[in-house]
């Protein structure tokens, strides 16, 4: 089933990318990305979750739907040079691990959003549907990678609002 999803993903990606610049990431590259990110997307029907954005310098950011839960979803991202799509690179993000109390690598982001003007990619993972707990992260494109600029974590689901306030900031460490 995952193989079928990856094939559909290549077809969908090709169709979406034609609207901007033709980009066809080879099947094997996408399949490897799905495995590495442990995607559970076996039914890629949500075409609007595949997007192509400009990173500058001739590179494109390709977002591909990876998983879905009751009230949120996640995506993986590839940095692609349209002249060499076979070299598309799965983006690795540093995220805060509350359990380990340190930054750890991740390949998928919850409810992501990219601002092409500022080159900032953000995510917000809800700990539960009302959004009173979870994680928020922001990464800035530096021309080569996405660098973590801020991370907020609220592990306690207590009914109180969770936002990017200093109170929940875990990265950079508060002083």
Foldseek 3Di string as FASTA:
>chain_A
DLLVVLVVQQVLLQVQCVVPHGAGQDSVVSSVLLVVQVFPPPDPPPSVQWHWADQPPQKIKTWDWGYDDDAKGKTWIWIARRVCSPPTHTAWDWAADPVVRGTDIHGMAIPWDADRVQQKIKGWDAPDDVRQFGKIWIFHDPPPHTHTDWMFGGHDNDVDHDDRDPVRTSPPHDD
